[in-house]
Amino acid sequence: MLAPLPPIILATRRIPNADPAVLLAYGADPARHTALGLLTCDQDDPTYVALDEATKHAAVEVVFARSFYAGAAHGSGPFSGEILGVIAAADPEEIEEGLKAARRCLEWDACFYGANDAGTVAVFPHVIPSIGAYLAAQSGLRVGDAMAYLVAPPLEGTIALDVALKAADVRAVKIFPPPTETNFTAAWLTGTQTACEAAAVAYLAAVVDVARDPLGGAFR
């Protein structure tokens, strides 16, 4: 069984009555939004999933979500992590509920796993049975569609994506070739929940295979 690599929330803050300039700078609409919620974490992709989860449990919009270059190990400060996510709402209480939902997702659901014994190769074979408003808007899918959200290092992820697409009745919605901001590669696949789960299992197995035998028997 692969060891989970739990994401760590590094900082959260609420701005109940944000200045219009700040709202605009971070993608919010001062005509509709007054409050902001901010969150940093040491894993970016689980945080994108968690921000999407927030939209399912509160009247919030994800107005800003960006990964930082080179990953959490090279953050600009001890609380910067790998990503800053910002949600906006008309009601500050909705911000509170949205942040609670994001925190639950990061603590109990979305995380990377170590694909080798040393835990030095990380993989994110995550299936979302029903996406929310944020990932629907980012992917062009409908709210409620299933998604396999797959992430791994460049070579491992490329091999695994090909395997996943051939292993299940899924289609690629969006592929993020390397290098991304954190130097990984990623893909969003869709289909039925069962098909997405089969694709994620195949993806994970392929990443583990490469991680445990990176040269594939060559040069021996």
N, C-alpha and C. Protein backbone atom coordinates (compact mmCIF):
# COMPACT_ATOMS: atom_id res chain seq x y z
N MET A 1 0.85 -1.20 0.00
CA MET A 1 0.00 0.00 0.00
C MET A 1 0.88 1.25 0.00
N LEU A 2 0.54 2.20 -0.85
CA LEU A 2 1.36 3.40 -0.95
C LEU A 2 1.11 4.33 0.23
N ALA A 3 2.18 4.97 0.67
CA ALA A 3 2.07 5.88 1.80
C ALA A 3 1.53 7.24 1.35
N PRO A 4 0.50 7.74 2.02
CA PRO A 4 0.02 9.09 1.68
C PRO A 4 1.03 10.15 2.09
N LEU A 5 1.04 11.24 1.34
CA LEU A 5 1.87 12.41 1.65
C LEU A 5 0.90 13.55 1.96
N PRO A 6 0.43 13.65 3.19
CA PRO A 6 -0.66 14.58 3.50
C PRO A 6 -0.28 16.04 3.23
N PRO A 7 -1.17 16.79 2.59
CA PRO A 7 -0.91 18.22 2.40
C PRO A 7 -1.00 18.95 3.73
N ILE A 8 -0.25 20.02 3.83
CA ILE A 8 -0.25 20.82 5.07
C ILE A 8 -0.72 22.23 4.73
N ILE A 9 -1.80 22.64 5.36
CA ILE A 9 -2.24 24.03 5.24
C ILE A 9 -1.29 24.89 6.05
N LEU A 10 -0.71 25.89 5.43
CA LEU A 10 0.31 26.71 6.09
C LEU A 10 -0.25 27.99 6.67
N ALA A 11 -1.24 28.58 6.01
CA ALA A 11 -1.82 29.83 6.52
C ALA A 11 -3.21 30.03 5.92
N THR A 12 -4.10 30.60 6.71
CA THR A 12 -5.42 31.02 6.22
C THR A 12 -5.77 32.36 6.85
N ARG A 13 -6.46 33.17 6.09
CA ARG A 13 -6.94 34.46 6.61
C ARG A 13 -8.23 34.82 5.90
N ARG A 14 -9.07 35.62 6.61
CA ARG A 14 -10.31 36.13 6.06
C ARG A 14 -10.22 37.65 6.00
N ILE A 15 -10.77 38.22 4.94
CA ILE A 15 -10.91 39.68 4.85
C ILE A 15 -12.42 39.94 4.70
N PRO A 16 -13.11 40.27 5.78
CA PRO A 16 -14.57 40.40 5.73
C PRO A 16 -15.05 41.52 4.81
N ASN A 17 -14.27 42.62 4.75
CA ASN A 17 -14.69 43.77 3.94
C ASN A 17 -13.47 44.27 3.17
N ALA A 18 -13.18 43.58 2.08
CA ALA A 18 -11.95 43.86 1.33
C ALA A 18 -12.06 45.16 0.54
N ASP A 19 -10.95 45.87 0.44
CA ASP A 19 -10.91 47.08 -0.36
C ASP A 19 -11.17 46.71 -1.83
N PRO A 20 -11.92 47.54 -2.55
CA PRO A 20 -12.21 47.24 -3.95
C PRO A 20 -10.97 46.99 -4.81
N ALA A 21 -9.89 47.70 -4.52
CA ALA A 21 -8.66 47.49 -5.30
C ALA A 21 -8.11 46.09 -5.10
N VAL A 22 -8.20 45.60 -3.88
CA VAL A 22 -7.73 44.24 -3.60
C VAL A 22 -8.65 43.22 -4.26
N LEU A 23 -9.95 43.45 -4.19
CA LEU A 23 -10.90 42.56 -4.85
C LEU A 23 -10.59 42.46 -6.34
N LEU A 24 -10.41 43.59 -6.98
CA LEU A 24 -10.13 43.61 -8.41
C LEU A 24 -8.81 42.92 -8.75
N ALA A 25 -7.81 43.16 -7.93
CA ALA A 25 -6.48 42.61 -8.21
C ALA A 25 -6.48 41.09 -8.19
N TYR A 26 -7.35 40.51 -7.37
CA TYR A 26 -7.38 39.06 -7.24
C TYR A 26 -8.56 38.42 -7.96
N GLY A 27 -9.15 39.16 -8.89
CA GLY A 27 -10.16 38.57 -9.76
C GLY A 27 -11.57 38.61 -9.26
N ALA A 28 -11.81 39.24 -8.12
CA ALA A 28 -13.17 39.35 -7.60
C ALA A 28 -13.88 40.55 -8.22
N ASP A 29 -15.19 40.60 -8.04
CA ASP A 29 -16.03 41.67 -8.59
C ASP A 29 -16.60 42.49 -7.44
N PRO A 30 -16.14 43.73 -7.25
CA PRO A 30 -16.65 44.54 -6.12
C PRO A 30 -18.16 44.73 -6.14
N ALA A 31 -18.78 44.57 -7.30
CA ALA A 31 -20.24 44.70 -7.37
C ALA A 31 -20.94 43.48 -6.78
N ARG A 32 -20.23 42.36 -6.69
CA ARG A 32 -20.85 41.13 -6.18
C ARG A 32 -20.16 40.56 -4.95
N HIS A 33 -18.93 40.93 -4.73
CA HIS A 33 -18.15 40.36 -3.65
C HIS A 33 -17.71 41.43 -2.66
N THR A 34 -17.70 41.09 -1.41
CA THR A 34 -17.16 41.98 -0.38
C THR A 34 -16.07 41.30 0.44
N ALA A 35 -16.13 39.97 0.55
CA ALA A 35 -15.25 39.25 1.45
C ALA A 35 -14.33 38.30 0.68
N LEU A 36 -13.14 38.10 1.23
CA LEU A 36 -12.18 37.17 0.65
C LEU A 36 -11.71 36.17 1.71
N GLY A 37 -11.37 34.98 1.26
CA GLY A 37 -10.72 33.98 2.10
C GLY A 37 -9.46 33.53 1.40
N LEU A 38 -8.33 33.50 2.11
CA LEU A 38 -7.04 33.15 1.53
C LEU A 38 -6.49 31.91 2.21
N LEU A 39 -5.80 31.08 1.42
CA LEU A 39 -5.25 29.84 1.94
C LEU A 39 -3.96 29.51 1.20
N THR A 40 -2.93 29.13 1.94
CA THR A 40 -1.72 28.59 1.33
C THR A 40 -1.51 27.16 1.82
N CYS A 41 -0.86 26.36 0.98
CA CYS A 41 -0.68 24.94 1.27
C CYS A 41 0.60 24.47 0.61
N ASP A 42 1.17 23.39 1.10
CA ASP A 42 2.43 22.89 0.53
C ASP A 42 2.22 21.94 -0.64
N GLN A 43 0.96 21.70 -1.04
CA GLN A 43 0.68 20.89 -2.23
C GLN A 43 -0.35 21.63 -3.07
N ASP A 44 -0.01 21.87 -4.34
CA ASP A 44 -0.91 22.69 -5.14
C ASP A 44 -2.12 21.93 -5.68
N ASP A 45 -1.93 20.75 -6.25
CA ASP A 45 -3.06 20.08 -6.88
C ASP A 45 -4.15 19.66 -5.89
N PRO A 46 -3.82 19.11 -4.73
CA PRO A 46 -4.89 18.89 -3.75
C PRO A 46 -5.62 20.18 -3.37
N THR A 47 -4.91 21.29 -3.39
CA THR A 47 -5.56 22.56 -3.05
C THR A 47 -6.54 22.99 -4.13
N TYR A 48 -6.20 22.77 -5.40
CA TYR A 48 -7.17 23.07 -6.46
C TYR A 48 -8.44 22.25 -6.26
N VAL A 49 -8.28 20.99 -5.90
CA VAL A 49 -9.44 20.13 -5.62
C VAL A 49 -10.21 20.66 -4.42
N ALA A 50 -9.48 21.09 -3.38
CA ALA A 50 -10.13 21.60 -2.17
C ALA A 50 -10.88 22.90 -2.44
N LEU A 51 -10.32 23.76 -3.27
CA LEU A 51 -11.02 25.00 -3.62
C LEU A 51 -12.30 24.69 -4.39
N ASP A 52 -12.23 23.70 -5.28
CA ASP A 52 -13.44 23.28 -5.98
C ASP A 52 -14.47 22.76 -4.99
N GLU A 53 -14.01 22.01 -4.00
CA GLU A 53 -14.91 21.48 -2.98
C GLU A 53 -15.60 22.61 -2.23
N ALA A 54 -14.90 23.70 -2.00
CA ALA A 54 -15.50 24.84 -1.30
C ALA A 54 -16.72 25.36 -2.03
N THR A 55 -16.69 25.32 -3.36
CA THR A 55 -17.82 25.84 -4.14
C THR A 55 -19.05 24.95 -4.02
N LYS A 56 -18.87 23.72 -3.55
CA LYS A 56 -20.01 22.81 -3.39
C LYS A 56 -20.72 23.01 -2.06
N HIS A 57 -20.05 23.67 -1.12
CA HIS A 57 -20.59 23.75 0.24
C HIS A 57 -20.88 25.18 0.69
N ALA A 58 -20.55 26.14 -0.12
CA ALA A 58 -20.78 27.54 0.26
C ALA A 58 -20.96 28.38 -1.00
N ALA A 59 -21.60 29.52 -0.82
CA ALA A 59 -21.82 30.45 -1.94
C ALA A 59 -20.56 31.29 -2.15
N VAL A 60 -19.51 30.62 -2.64
CA VAL A 60 -18.22 31.27 -2.87
C VAL A 60 -17.78 31.02 -4.30
N GLU A 61 -16.89 31.87 -4.78
CA GLU A 61 -16.25 31.68 -6.08
C GLU A 61 -14.75 31.64 -5.86
N VAL A 62 -14.10 30.77 -6.60
CA VAL A 62 -12.63 30.76 -6.60
C VAL A 62 -12.19 31.83 -7.59
N VAL A 63 -11.61 32.89 -7.08
CA VAL A 63 -11.24 34.02 -7.94
C VAL A 63 -9.75 34.05 -8.25
N PHE A 64 -8.96 33.32 -7.46
CA PHE A 64 -7.51 33.32 -7.69
C PHE A 64 -6.96 32.00 -7.17
N ALA A 65 -6.17 31.32 -8.01
CA ALA A 65 -5.51 30.09 -7.59
C ALA A 65 -4.28 29.91 -8.47
N ARG A 66 -3.12 30.04 -7.89
CA ARG A 66 -1.87 29.98 -8.66
C ARG A 66 -0.83 29.13 -7.94
N SER A 67 -0.17 28.28 -8.71
CA SER A 67 0.97 27.53 -8.19
C SER A 67 2.22 28.42 -8.23
N PHE A 68 3.12 28.18 -7.29
CA PHE A 68 4.35 28.96 -7.23
C PHE A 68 5.48 28.19 -7.91
N TYR A 69 6.38 28.92 -8.53
CA TYR A 69 7.45 28.31 -9.30
C TYR A 69 8.37 27.46 -8.43
N ALA A 70 8.66 26.25 -8.93
CA ALA A 70 9.62 25.32 -8.35
C ALA A 70 9.11 24.59 -7.11
N GLY A 71 7.90 24.89 -6.67
CA GLY A 71 7.30 24.10 -5.60
C GLY A 71 7.55 24.60 -4.20
N ALA A 72 6.99 23.85 -3.24
CA ALA A 72 6.99 24.28 -1.84
C ALA A 72 8.39 24.40 -1.25
N ALA A 73 9.31 23.59 -1.75
CA ALA A 73 10.68 23.63 -1.19
C ALA A 73 11.40 24.93 -1.50
N HIS A 74 10.85 25.71 -2.42
CA HIS A 74 11.50 26.96 -2.81
C HIS A 74 10.56 28.14 -2.62
N GLY A 75 9.69 28.06 -1.62
CA GLY A 75 8.73 29.12 -1.35
C GLY A 75 9.40 30.41 -0.94
N SER A 76 8.68 31.50 -1.11
CA SER A 76 9.23 32.82 -0.77
C SER A 76 9.25 33.06 0.73
N GLY A 77 8.60 32.23 1.49
CA GLY A 77 8.57 32.36 2.94
C GLY A 77 8.04 31.09 3.56
N PRO A 78 8.11 30.95 4.88
CA PRO A 78 7.71 29.69 5.53
C PRO A 78 6.23 29.38 5.42
N PHE A 79 5.41 30.37 5.09
CA PHE A 79 3.96 30.15 5.00
C PHE A 79 3.45 30.30 3.57
N SER A 80 4.37 30.35 2.60
CA SER A 80 3.98 30.51 1.20
C SER A 80 3.54 29.21 0.57
N GLY A 81 4.30 28.14 0.84
CA GLY A 81 3.96 26.85 0.31
C GLY A 81 4.09 26.79 -1.20
N GLU A 82 3.14 26.07 -1.83
CA GLU A 82 3.21 25.83 -3.26
C GLU A 82 2.08 26.53 -4.02
N ILE A 83 1.14 27.12 -3.27
CA ILE A 83 -0.02 27.71 -3.92
C ILE A 83 -0.70 28.71 -3.00
N LEU A 84 -1.27 29.74 -3.62
CA LEU A 84 -2.20 30.64 -2.93
C LEU A 84 -3.55 30.50 -3.60
N GLY A 85 -4.56 30.19 -2.80
CA GLY A 85 -5.93 30.14 -3.30
C GLY A 85 -6.76 31.21 -2.63
N VAL A 86 -7.64 31.86 -3.39
CA VAL A 86 -8.47 32.93 -2.85
C VAL A 86 -9.92 32.68 -3.28
N ILE A 87 -10.82 32.66 -2.30
CA ILE A 87 -12.25 32.57 -2.59
C ILE A 87 -12.91 33.90 -2.23
N ALA A 88 -13.99 34.22 -2.94
CA ALA A 88 -14.70 35.48 -2.71
C ALA A 88 -16.18 35.20 -2.51
N ALA A 89 -16.83 36.08 -1.75
CA ALA A 89 -18.26 35.92 -1.50
C ALA A 89 -18.87 37.27 -1.14
N ALA A 90 -20.18 37.34 -1.23
CA ALA A 90 -20.89 38.54 -0.78
C ALA A 90 -21.03 38.56 0.73
N ASP A 91 -21.07 37.39 1.34
CA ASP A 91 -21.30 37.24 2.77
C ASP A 91 -20.06 36.65 3.43
N PRO A 92 -19.46 37.31 4.41
CA PRO A 92 -18.27 36.77 5.08
C PRO A 92 -18.50 35.38 5.70
N GLU A 93 -19.74 35.09 6.11
CA GLU A 93 -20.00 33.76 6.68
C GLU A 93 -19.83 32.66 5.64
N GLU A 94 -20.10 32.98 4.38
CA GLU A 94 -19.89 32.00 3.32
C GLU A 94 -18.40 31.70 3.15
N ILE A 95 -17.58 32.71 3.35
CA ILE A 95 -16.12 32.49 3.29
C ILE A 95 -15.72 31.48 4.35
N GLU A 96 -16.24 31.63 5.53
CA GLU A 96 -15.92 30.70 6.62
C GLU A 96 -16.30 29.27 6.25
N GLU A 97 -17.50 29.10 5.70
CA GLU A 97 -17.95 27.76 5.32
C GLU A 97 -17.11 27.21 4.18
N GLY A 98 -16.74 28.06 3.25
CA GLY A 98 -15.91 27.61 2.14
C GLY A 98 -14.54 27.15 2.59
N LEU A 99 -13.92 27.91 3.49
CA LEU A 99 -12.61 27.51 4.01
C LEU A 99 -12.69 26.22 4.81
N LYS A 100 -13.79 26.03 5.54
CA LYS A 100 -13.97 24.78 6.29
C LYS A 100 -14.04 23.59 5.34
N ALA A 101 -14.77 23.75 4.25
CA ALA A 101 -14.90 22.66 3.28
C ALA A 101 -13.55 22.35 2.63
N ALA A 102 -12.80 23.40 2.31
CA ALA A 102 -11.47 23.19 1.72
C ALA A 102 -10.55 22.48 2.70
N ARG A 103 -10.63 22.87 3.95
CA ARG A 103 -9.78 22.23 4.96
C ARG A 103 -10.13 20.75 5.11
N ARG A 104 -11.42 20.42 5.15
CA ARG A 104 -11.83 19.02 5.27
C ARG A 104 -11.29 18.20 4.10
N CYS A 105 -11.36 18.77 2.91
CA CYS A 105 -10.87 18.06 1.73
C CYS A 105 -9.38 17.79 1.82
N LEU A 106 -8.62 18.76 2.27
CA LEU A 106 -7.18 18.60 2.38
C LEU A 106 -6.79 17.65 3.50
N GLU A 107 -7.59 17.60 4.54
CA GLU A 107 -7.26 16.74 5.68
C GLU A 107 -7.70 15.29 5.47
N TRP A 108 -8.75 15.07 4.67
CA TRP A 108 -9.35 13.73 4.63
C TRP A 108 -9.47 13.14 3.22
N ASP A 109 -9.19 13.91 2.19
CA ASP A 109 -9.49 13.39 0.86
C ASP A 109 -8.33 13.52 -0.12
N ALA A 110 -7.99 14.71 -0.53
CA ALA A 110 -7.05 14.91 -1.63
C ALA A 110 -5.61 14.99 -1.13
N CYS A 111 -4.76 14.08 -1.63
CA CYS A 111 -3.34 14.16 -1.28
C CYS A 111 -2.52 13.37 -2.29
N PHE A 112 -1.24 13.68 -2.34
CA PHE A 112 -0.29 12.91 -3.12
C PHE A 112 0.06 11.62 -2.37
N TYR A 113 0.66 10.68 -3.10
CA TYR A 113 1.16 9.43 -2.51
C TYR A 113 2.60 9.20 -2.97
N GLY A 114 3.36 8.54 -2.12
CA GLY A 114 4.72 8.16 -2.50
C GLY A 114 4.67 6.95 -3.42
N ALA A 115 5.28 7.06 -4.60
CA ALA A 115 5.21 5.97 -5.58
C ALA A 115 6.38 5.00 -5.48
N ASN A 116 7.36 5.31 -4.63
CA ASN A 116 8.46 4.38 -4.39
C ASN A 116 8.70 4.27 -2.89
N ASP A 117 9.55 3.34 -2.51
CA ASP A 117 9.75 3.08 -1.08
C ASP A 117 10.30 4.28 -0.34
N ALA A 118 11.13 5.06 -1.00
CA ALA A 118 11.72 6.23 -0.35
C ALA A 118 10.76 7.41 -0.29
N GLY A 119 9.69 7.34 -1.01
CA GLY A 119 8.74 8.45 -1.03
C GLY A 119 9.25 9.66 -1.78
N THR A 120 10.23 9.45 -2.65
CA THR A 120 10.82 10.58 -3.38
C THR A 120 10.12 10.85 -4.71
N VAL A 121 9.27 9.94 -5.14
CA VAL A 121 8.44 10.14 -6.34
C VAL A 121 6.99 10.26 -5.88
N ALA A 122 6.38 11.39 -6.17
CA ALA A 122 5.02 11.65 -5.72
C ALA A 122 4.04 11.54 -6.88
N VAL A 123 2.85 11.00 -6.59
CA VAL A 123 1.82 10.85 -7.61
C VAL A 123 0.47 11.24 -7.01
N PHE A 124 -0.36 11.82 -7.87
CA PHE A 124 -1.69 12.28 -7.45
C PHE A 124 -2.72 11.62 -8.37
N PRO A 125 -3.23 10.44 -8.00
CA PRO A 125 -4.19 9.73 -8.84
C PRO A 125 -5.61 9.95 -8.32
N HIS A 126 -6.08 11.17 -8.34
CA HIS A 126 -7.29 11.53 -7.62
C HIS A 126 -8.53 11.50 -8.53
N VAL A 127 -9.61 10.94 -8.00
CA VAL A 127 -10.87 10.92 -8.73
C VAL A 127 -11.89 11.77 -7.98
N ILE A 128 -12.52 12.68 -8.71
CA ILE A 128 -13.58 13.52 -8.17
C ILE A 128 -14.89 13.01 -8.76
N PRO A 129 -15.75 12.40 -7.95
CA PRO A 129 -16.99 11.85 -8.50
C PRO A 129 -17.90 12.91 -9.12
N SER A 130 -17.85 14.12 -8.56
CA SER A 130 -18.74 15.19 -9.01
C SER A 130 -18.04 16.53 -8.82
N ILE A 131 -17.60 17.13 -9.91
CA ILE A 131 -16.85 18.38 -9.78
C ILE A 131 -17.78 19.54 -9.46
N GLY A 132 -17.21 20.58 -8.86
CA GLY A 132 -17.95 21.79 -8.53
C GLY A 132 -17.77 22.87 -9.58
N ALA A 133 -18.18 24.07 -9.22
CA ALA A 133 -18.21 25.17 -10.17
C ALA A 133 -16.81 25.57 -10.64
N TYR A 134 -15.82 25.50 -9.76
CA TYR A 134 -14.48 25.96 -10.14
C TYR A 134 -13.86 25.07 -11.21
N LEU A 135 -13.77 23.77 -10.95
CA LEU A 135 -13.14 22.89 -11.93
C LEU A 135 -14.00 22.75 -13.19
N ALA A 136 -15.32 22.91 -13.06
CA ALA A 136 -16.16 22.89 -14.25
C ALA A 136 -15.79 24.05 -15.17
N ALA A 137 -15.61 25.23 -14.59
CA ALA A 137 -15.25 26.40 -15.39
C ALA A 137 -13.85 26.26 -15.99
N GLN A 138 -12.94 25.67 -15.25
CA GLN A 138 -11.57 25.52 -15.74
C GLN A 138 -11.44 24.46 -16.83
N SER A 139 -12.30 23.45 -16.77
CA SER A 139 -12.18 22.32 -17.68
C SER A 139 -13.14 22.35 -18.85
N GLY A 140 -14.21 23.13 -18.73
CA GLY A 140 -15.24 23.12 -19.76
C GLY A 140 -16.25 22.00 -19.57
N LEU A 141 -16.14 21.26 -18.48
CA LEU A 141 -17.12 20.22 -18.16
C LEU A 141 -18.32 20.83 -17.45
N ARG A 142 -19.30 19.99 -17.16
CA ARG A 142 -20.47 20.45 -16.43
C ARG A 142 -20.29 20.19 -14.95
N VAL A 143 -20.89 21.03 -14.13
CA VAL A 143 -20.92 20.76 -12.70
C VAL A 143 -21.58 19.40 -12.49
N GLY A 144 -20.94 18.55 -11.71
CA GLY A 144 -21.47 17.21 -11.47
C GLY A 144 -20.80 16.13 -12.28
N ASP A 145 -20.01 16.49 -13.31
CA ASP A 145 -19.29 15.48 -14.09
C ASP A 145 -18.17 14.87 -13.25
N ALA A 146 -17.79 13.65 -13.58
CA ALA A 146 -16.67 12.99 -12.91
C ALA A 146 -15.36 13.39 -13.57
N MET A 147 -14.30 13.43 -12.77
CA MET A 147 -12.98 13.78 -13.29
C MET A 147 -11.91 12.93 -12.62
N ALA A 148 -10.98 12.43 -13.43
CA ALA A 148 -9.74 11.87 -12.91
C ALA A 148 -8.68 12.95 -13.02
N TYR A 149 -8.19 13.39 -11.88
CA TYR A 149 -7.21 14.47 -11.80
C TYR A 149 -5.87 13.79 -11.51
N LEU A 150 -4.99 13.75 -12.50
CA LEU A 150 -3.79 12.92 -12.46
C LEU A 150 -2.54 13.77 -12.58
N VAL A 151 -1.60 13.55 -11.65
CA VAL A 151 -0.37 14.35 -11.61
C VAL A 151 0.81 13.45 -11.24
N ALA A 152 1.93 13.68 -11.89
CA ALA A 152 3.16 12.94 -11.57
C ALA A 152 4.34 13.71 -12.15
N PRO A 153 5.57 13.31 -11.81
CA PRO A 153 6.74 13.93 -12.44
C PRO A 153 6.72 13.72 -13.96
N PRO A 154 7.54 14.48 -14.71
CA PRO A 154 7.39 14.54 -16.17
C PRO A 154 7.39 13.21 -16.92
N LEU A 155 8.43 12.42 -16.78
CA LEU A 155 8.48 11.17 -17.54
C LEU A 155 7.42 10.19 -17.04
N GLU A 156 7.37 10.01 -15.73
CA GLU A 156 6.41 9.08 -15.14
C GLU A 156 4.99 9.43 -15.55
N GLY A 157 4.66 10.74 -15.48
CA GLY A 157 3.32 11.18 -15.79
C GLY A 157 2.96 11.02 -17.25
N THR A 158 3.93 11.19 -18.14
CA THR A 158 3.67 11.04 -19.57
C THR A 158 3.38 9.58 -19.92
N ILE A 159 4.22 8.68 -19.41
CA ILE A 159 3.98 7.25 -19.62
C ILE A 159 2.64 6.84 -19.04
N ALA A 160 2.36 7.29 -17.82
CA ALA A 160 1.15 6.89 -17.12
C ALA A 160 -0.11 7.43 -17.78
N LEU A 161 -0.04 8.62 -18.35
CA LEU A 161 -1.20 9.18 -19.03
C LEU A 161 -1.57 8.32 -20.24
N ASP A 162 -0.58 7.91 -21.00
CA ASP A 162 -0.86 7.05 -22.15
C ASP A 162 -1.51 5.75 -21.71
N VAL A 163 -1.01 5.18 -20.62
CA VAL A 163 -1.58 3.94 -20.08
C VAL A 163 -3.02 4.16 -19.63
N ALA A 164 -3.26 5.25 -18.93
CA ALA A 164 -4.60 5.52 -18.39
C ALA A 164 -5.62 5.70 -19.50
N LEU A 165 -5.25 6.41 -20.55
CA LEU A 165 -6.18 6.65 -21.65
C LEU A 165 -6.53 5.37 -22.39
N LYS A 166 -5.62 4.42 -22.40
CA LYS A 166 -5.87 3.14 -23.07
C LYS A 166 -6.57 2.13 -22.17
N ALA A 167 -6.56 2.39 -20.87
CA ALA A 167 -7.07 1.41 -19.91
C ALA A 167 -8.56 1.57 -19.63
N ALA A 168 -9.13 2.72 -19.95
CA ALA A 168 -10.53 2.97 -19.57
C ALA A 168 -11.20 3.84 -20.61
N ASP A 169 -12.52 3.83 -20.57
CA ASP A 169 -13.31 4.63 -21.51
C ASP A 169 -13.41 6.07 -21.00
N VAL A 170 -12.30 6.78 -21.15
CA VAL A 170 -12.20 8.17 -20.70
C VAL A 170 -11.64 9.00 -21.84
N ARG A 171 -11.82 10.29 -21.73
CA ARG A 171 -11.20 11.20 -22.70
C ARG A 171 -10.43 12.28 -21.96
N ALA A 172 -9.40 12.77 -22.60
CA ALA A 172 -8.60 13.84 -22.01
C ALA A 172 -9.31 15.18 -22.21
N VAL A 173 -9.56 15.87 -21.11
CA VAL A 173 -10.16 17.19 -21.16
C VAL A 173 -9.08 18.25 -21.30
N LYS A 174 -8.01 18.07 -20.54
CA LYS A 174 -6.91 19.03 -20.57
C LYS A 174 -5.64 18.31 -20.13
N ILE A 175 -4.57 18.55 -20.87
CA ILE A 175 -3.27 17.97 -20.52
C ILE A 175 -2.30 19.12 -20.27
N PHE A 176 -1.55 19.02 -19.19
CA PHE A 176 -0.57 20.04 -18.81
C PHE A 176 0.82 19.44 -18.99
N PRO A 177 1.44 19.61 -20.17
CA PRO A 177 2.76 19.02 -20.39
C PRO A 177 3.80 19.67 -19.48
N PRO A 178 4.90 18.96 -19.23
CA PRO A 178 5.97 19.58 -18.44
C PRO A 178 6.71 20.61 -19.27
N PRO A 179 7.35 21.58 -18.62
CA PRO A 179 7.30 21.79 -17.18
C PRO A 179 6.16 22.72 -16.79
N THR A 180 5.43 22.35 -15.77
CA THR A 180 4.48 23.26 -15.15
C THR A 180 5.24 24.12 -14.14
N GLU A 181 4.53 24.97 -13.41
CA GLU A 181 5.22 25.82 -12.42
C GLU A 181 6.01 24.99 -11.42
N THR A 182 5.49 23.80 -11.08
CA THR A 182 6.18 22.96 -10.09
C THR A 182 6.96 21.82 -10.76
N ASN A 183 7.09 21.89 -12.09
CA ASN A 183 7.88 20.93 -12.86
C ASN A 183 7.30 19.52 -12.88
N PHE A 184 6.00 19.41 -12.64
CA PHE A 184 5.30 18.14 -12.81
C PHE A 184 4.54 18.19 -14.14
N THR A 185 3.85 17.11 -14.46
CA THR A 185 2.90 17.09 -15.57
C THR A 185 1.57 16.60 -15.03
N ALA A 186 0.48 17.03 -15.68
CA ALA A 186 -0.84 16.70 -15.15
C ALA A 186 -1.83 16.51 -16.29
N ALA A 187 -2.96 15.91 -15.95
CA ALA A 187 -4.03 15.73 -16.93
C ALA A 187 -5.37 15.63 -16.21
N TRP A 188 -6.40 16.13 -16.88
CA TRP A 188 -7.77 15.95 -16.42
C TRP A 188 -8.48 15.06 -17.42
N LEU A 189 -9.00 13.94 -16.95
CA LEU A 189 -9.75 13.02 -17.79
C LEU A 189 -11.19 12.96 -17.30
N THR A 190 -12.10 12.63 -18.19
CA THR A 190 -13.49 12.51 -17.78
C THR A 190 -14.12 11.29 -18.42
N GLY A 191 -15.21 10.86 -17.81
CA GLY A 191 -15.97 9.69 -18.23
C GLY A 191 -16.92 9.38 -17.09
N THR A 192 -17.40 8.16 -17.01
CA THR A 192 -18.18 7.79 -15.83
C THR A 192 -17.25 7.73 -14.63
N GLN A 193 -17.84 7.74 -13.44
CA GLN A 193 -17.00 7.64 -12.24
C GLN A 193 -16.20 6.34 -12.25
N THR A 194 -16.83 5.25 -12.68
CA THR A 194 -16.14 3.97 -12.74
C THR A 194 -14.98 4.01 -13.72
N ALA A 195 -15.19 4.63 -14.86
CA ALA A 195 -14.12 4.73 -15.85
C ALA A 195 -12.98 5.61 -15.34
N CYS A 196 -13.32 6.71 -14.67
CA CYS A 196 -12.29 7.58 -14.10
C CYS A 196 -11.47 6.85 -13.05
N GLU A 197 -12.14 6.03 -12.25
CA GLU A 197 -11.43 5.27 -11.23
C GLU A 197 -10.50 4.24 -11.87
N ALA A 198 -10.95 3.60 -12.94
CA ALA A 198 -10.09 2.63 -13.63
C ALA A 198 -8.88 3.32 -14.25
N ALA A 199 -9.09 4.50 -14.81
CA ALA A 199 -7.98 5.25 -15.38
C ALA A 199 -6.98 5.65 -14.31
N ALA A 200 -7.48 6.08 -13.16
CA ALA A 200 -6.59 6.49 -12.07
C ALA A 200 -5.78 5.32 -11.55
N VAL A 201 -6.40 4.15 -11.45
CA VAL A 201 -5.68 2.95 -10.99
C VAL A 201 -4.57 2.60 -11.98
N ALA A 202 -4.88 2.66 -13.27
CA ALA A 202 -3.87 2.36 -14.28
C ALA A 202 -2.75 3.38 -14.27
N TYR A 203 -3.11 4.64 -14.10
CA TYR A 203 -2.12 5.73 -14.02
C TYR A 203 -1.17 5.50 -12.84
N LEU A 204 -1.74 5.20 -11.69
CA LEU A 204 -0.94 4.98 -10.49
C LEU A 204 0.01 3.81 -10.69
N ALA A 205 -0.49 2.71 -11.24
CA ALA A 205 0.36 1.53 -11.44
C ALA A 205 1.52 1.84 -12.38
N ALA A 206 1.26 2.63 -13.40
CA ALA A 206 2.33 2.97 -14.34
C ALA A 206 3.38 3.85 -13.71
N VAL A 207 2.96 4.81 -12.89
CA VAL A 207 3.93 5.67 -12.20
C VAL A 207 4.78 4.84 -11.24
N VAL A 208 4.15 3.93 -10.52
CA VAL A 208 4.88 3.07 -9.59
C VAL A 208 5.89 2.21 -10.35
N ASP A 209 5.49 1.70 -11.50
CA ASP A 209 6.38 0.86 -12.30
C ASP A 209 7.63 1.62 -12.71
N VAL A 210 7.46 2.85 -13.19
CA VAL A 210 8.61 3.65 -13.59
C VAL A 210 9.46 4.02 -12.39
N ALA A 211 8.81 4.37 -11.28
CA ALA A 211 9.54 4.79 -10.09
C ALA A 211 10.42 3.68 -9.54
N ARG A 212 9.95 2.45 -9.66
CA ARG A 212 10.70 1.32 -9.11
C ARG A 212 11.73 0.75 -10.09
N ASP A 213 11.58 1.06 -11.38
CA ASP A 213 12.55 0.60 -12.39
C ASP A 213 12.68 1.68 -13.45
N PRO A 214 13.32 2.80 -13.11
CA PRO A 214 13.33 3.96 -14.00
C PRO A 214 13.97 3.71 -15.37
N LEU A 215 14.91 2.79 -15.46
CA LEU A 215 15.55 2.53 -16.75
C LEU A 215 14.84 1.45 -17.55
N GLY A 216 13.83 0.86 -16.97
CA GLY A 216 13.02 -0.13 -17.69
C GLY A 216 13.80 -1.31 -18.19
N GLY A 217 14.82 -1.71 -17.46
CA GLY A 217 15.63 -2.86 -17.87
C GLY A 217 16.72 -2.51 -18.87
N ALA A 218 16.78 -1.28 -19.32
CA ALA A 218 17.78 -0.89 -20.31
C ALA A 218 19.16 -0.71 -19.66
N PHE A 219 20.20 -0.80 -20.48
CA PHE A 219 21.59 -0.55 -20.06
C PHE A 219 22.05 -1.53 -19.00
N ARG A 220 21.51 -2.73 -19.03
CA ARG A 220 21.97 -3.73 -18.06
C ARG A 220 22.80 -4.80 -18.74
